[in-house]
C-alpha cells in the first residue's frame, strides 16, 4: 500500500532552463551565457547554494565578487529564478491524490530563491504536506543524506512511499532504500505507473 508520494520539482512539477538562467544573469553584468555557466555551474557555486552552504545574501555577494561589479539584489534573484514553466498537466494528479488522502512531499534539489519563486508564482507547492529540499537537508541528490531527510518526512515505511523524478540515478538511489520509484517522463506515463499499482487519478 502506498501512503505517501514524493515528487521532484524541476522538470516534474515545473520545467526549467539553466541556459535561460545563465543568459538572464549574464545580461545583468555584461557577461556571455557561457561565462555565467562557468562561474555558476562549473565552479559549483550553484550547487553550494542548493546545498544550503550559501544564504541568498551570500550567493549575491559571491556573484558580485565573481563578476567584479555591483548587481542589484532583487534583479539577480529574478534573473536567476524566472526560469520555470509550470507543468499544468500534473496539477489534476496532485489534486486527485490529495483528495484520496495521500500525503504529498516534495523531494528536490533547489535553492531558497527557486523555491520561493515557484511558491509565489504558482500554486503547486501549496498542495504539499511537507518539503525535503536540498538546502534544508544540507545535501543534494543523489547523496544519501537528502534521502534520509526525506524518509523523516514521509510518515510511513519506505516501501509505502512512491517517488518520481526525471533523473534515473536518483530513482536508483531511492530504490536502494526500498522506496517505490519510477522515472518521470511525462504526466501520462506517471498516470500509467500509478494505475499499475491500482491507483487511478
Foldseek 3Di string as FASTA:
>chain_A
DAFAEEEECDPTFKDFDLLQLLCLLCVQQVHHSVLSCCLCPVVCVQLCQLLQVAALVRSQVSVCVSSVHHGDSVSNLCSNAVGIDGQVVCVVVLVLCVVVNHAYEYQYRDGPSNVVVCVVVDPVVVSHDYYQTNSVQSHHPPDVSSVVVVVVVRPDQQLNYEYEEQDVRSQVSSVVSNHHYDYDDGDVVVQVVVVVVVDHD
